[in-house]
């Protein structure tokens, strides 16, 4: 696993407190709950070394609010994986992303050395976000 010998961590932020659709990350879609689609795609990646399902119970209360950003959640989990150079954000609300989508985005990030966002027909779609630990710490 890994890419260029560098460890890759995937984080699936599955907060339950959505205002418009409470518990949406745990609702069924085509036979699985939403977050399970992200987990399955991450497991199929050639590069991901570790996967974290980040639920409300796994993080401080301040990271479970509407004001908390995904970047804050990523930084929180990166602290538990000091060996990880790359972090991949896989939001449960993109259940149709594939392992290949993840791998292509990681490869694109590795080429430029700091990060990438997945694309579909040459337009960014946000199904996969990849960044280095350093980039995330600075932004």
Protein backbone atom coordinates (compact mmCIF):
# COMPACT_ATOMS: atom_id res chain seq x y z
CA UNK A 1 0.00 0.00 0.00
CA UNK A 2 1.14 3.61 0.47
CA UNK A 3 2.22 5.78 -2.43
CA UNK A 4 5.88 6.48 -3.09
CA UNK A 5 6.57 4.87 0.29
CA UNK A 6 4.37 7.42 2.08
CA UNK A 7 1.53 6.32 4.38
CA UNK A 8 -2.04 7.25 3.38
CA UNK A 9 -4.88 7.71 5.89
CA UNK A 10 -8.53 7.86 4.78
CA UNK A 11 -11.10 9.58 6.99
CA UNK A 12 -14.85 9.10 6.59
CA UNK A 13 -16.59 11.84 8.62
CA UNK A 14 -19.97 10.39 9.62
CA UNK A 15 -21.52 13.03 11.85
CA UNK A 16 -25.10 12.30 12.86
CA UNK A 17 -26.26 15.87 13.49
CA UNK A 18 -27.34 17.13 10.07
CA UNK A 19 -30.05 19.80 10.40
CA UNK A 20 -31.77 19.09 7.08
CA UNK A 21 -31.52 15.30 7.23
CA UNK A 22 -30.62 14.02 10.71
CA UNK A 23 -28.61 10.80 10.65
CA UNK A 24 -28.20 10.93 6.86
CA UNK A 25 -24.77 9.24 6.95
CA UNK A 26 -26.43 6.18 8.51
CA UNK A 27 -29.39 5.93 6.12
CA UNK A 28 -29.62 3.07 3.61
CA UNK A 29 -28.74 3.52 -0.04
CA UNK A 30 -28.82 0.56 -2.41
CA UNK A 31 -28.44 -2.01 0.35
CA UNK A 32 -25.79 -0.31 2.50
CA UNK A 33 -25.76 2.70 4.78
CA UNK A 34 -24.07 5.71 3.20
CA UNK A 35 -20.78 5.55 5.10
CA UNK A 36 -20.33 1.85 4.17
CA UNK A 37 -19.99 2.80 0.50
CA UNK A 38 -17.04 5.04 1.38
CA UNK A 39 -15.46 2.31 3.52
CA UNK A 40 -15.77 -0.27 0.73
CA UNK A 41 -14.20 2.09 -1.82
CA UNK A 42 -11.36 2.89 0.59
CA UNK A 43 -10.72 -0.81 1.25
CA UNK A 44 -10.39 -1.36 -2.50
CA UNK A 45 -7.79 1.40 -2.91
CA UNK A 46 -4.26 0.36 -3.82
CA UNK A 47 -2.80 3.16 -1.70
CA UNK A 48 -4.84 3.61 1.49
CA UNK A 49 -3.11 2.13 4.53
CA UNK A 50 -5.60 3.01 7.30
CA UNK A 51 -9.28 3.96 7.36
CA UNK A 52 -11.03 5.89 10.12
CA UNK A 53 -14.81 6.12 10.43
CA UNK A 54 -15.12 9.37 12.35
CA UNK A 55 -18.38 9.38 14.29
CA UNK A 56 -19.58 11.84 16.92
CA UNK A 57 -18.46 9.48 19.68
CA UNK A 58 -14.89 9.36 18.26
CA UNK A 59 -14.08 13.04 18.51
CA UNK A 60 -14.43 16.06 20.79
CA UNK A 61 -17.88 17.68 20.93
CA UNK A 62 -16.53 20.84 19.30
CA UNK A 63 -15.88 18.77 16.14
CA UNK A 64 -19.50 17.57 16.03
CA UNK A 65 -21.12 20.94 15.42
CA UNK A 66 -22.24 22.70 12.26
CA UNK A 67 -19.34 25.11 12.70
CA UNK A 68 -16.68 22.37 12.67
CA UNK A 69 -14.98 21.88 9.33
CA UNK A 70 -13.91 18.66 7.67
CA UNK A 71 -10.37 20.02 7.80
CA UNK A 72 -10.62 20.22 11.61
CA UNK A 73 -11.77 16.60 11.73
CA UNK A 74 -8.91 15.53 9.45
CA UNK A 75 -6.35 17.31 11.63
CA UNK A 76 -7.82 15.63 14.72
CA UNK A 77 -7.43 12.14 13.26
CA UNK A 78 -4.01 12.83 11.75
CA UNK A 79 -2.78 13.40 15.30
CA UNK A 80 -3.45 9.69 15.95
CA UNK A 81 -1.48 8.66 12.83
CA UNK A 82 1.85 10.52 13.01
CA UNK A 83 3.31 8.24 10.33
CA UNK A 84 0.69 9.30 7.73
CA UNK A 85 1.95 11.78 5.13
CA UNK A 86 -1.30 11.88 3.12
CA UNK A 87 -4.92 12.18 4.22
CA UNK A 88 -7.94 11.36 2.06
CA UNK A 89 -11.37 12.80 2.84
CA UNK A 90 -14.24 10.50 1.81
CA UNK A 91 -17.58 12.07 2.64
CA UNK A 92 -20.40 9.51 3.00
CA UNK A 93 -22.63 11.63 0.76
CA UNK A 94 -20.65 10.52 -2.31
CA UNK A 95 -21.60 6.82 -2.38
CA UNK A 96 -20.98 6.34 -6.09
CA UNK A 97 -17.24 7.06 -5.93
CA UNK A 98 -15.07 4.06 -6.74
CA UNK A 99 -11.72 2.77 -5.53
CA UNK A 100 -10.33 3.81 -8.90
CA UNK A 101 -11.58 7.39 -8.36
CA UNK A 102 -9.71 7.43 -5.05
CA UNK A 103 -6.52 6.01 -6.54
CA UNK A 104 -6.48 8.44 -9.46
CA UNK A 105 -6.89 11.39 -7.09
CA UNK A 106 -4.11 10.12 -4.81
CA UNK A 107 -1.85 9.69 -7.86
CA UNK A 108 -2.62 13.23 -9.03
CA UNK A 109 -1.81 14.56 -5.54
CA UNK A 110 1.45 12.62 -5.41
CA UNK A 111 2.50 14.14 -8.74
CA UNK A 112 2.08 17.72 -7.54
CA UNK A 113 3.24 16.96 -4.00
CA UNK A 114 0.50 18.68 -2.01
CA UNK A 115 -3.05 17.57 -2.88
CA UNK A 116 -5.89 17.08 -5.34
CA UNK A 117 -9.67 16.97 -5.71
CA UNK A 118 -11.40 14.30 -7.76
CA UNK A 119 -12.76 15.21 -11.18
CA UNK A 120 -15.45 13.89 -13.47
CA UNK A 121 -15.46 14.94 -17.12
CA UNK A 122 -12.72 17.50 -16.32
CA UNK A 123 -14.77 19.20 -13.58
CA UNK A 124 -14.03 18.89 -9.88
CA UNK A 125 -16.74 16.91 -8.12
CA UNK A 126 -15.53 16.71 -4.53
CA UNK A 127 -16.04 12.96 -4.17
CA UNK A 128 -12.39 12.61 -3.07
CA UNK A 129 -10.10 15.17 -1.43
CA UNK A 130 -6.42 14.40 -0.88
CA UNK A 131 -3.83 16.54 0.92
CA UNK A 132 -0.49 16.21 2.61
CA UNK A 133 -0.26 16.58 6.36
CA UNK A 134 1.86 19.69 5.83
CA UNK A 135 -0.58 21.36 3.45
CA UNK A 136 -3.47 20.73 5.83
CA UNK A 137 -1.50 22.18 8.75
CA UNK A 138 -0.85 25.40 6.78
CA UNK A 139 -4.36 25.95 5.40
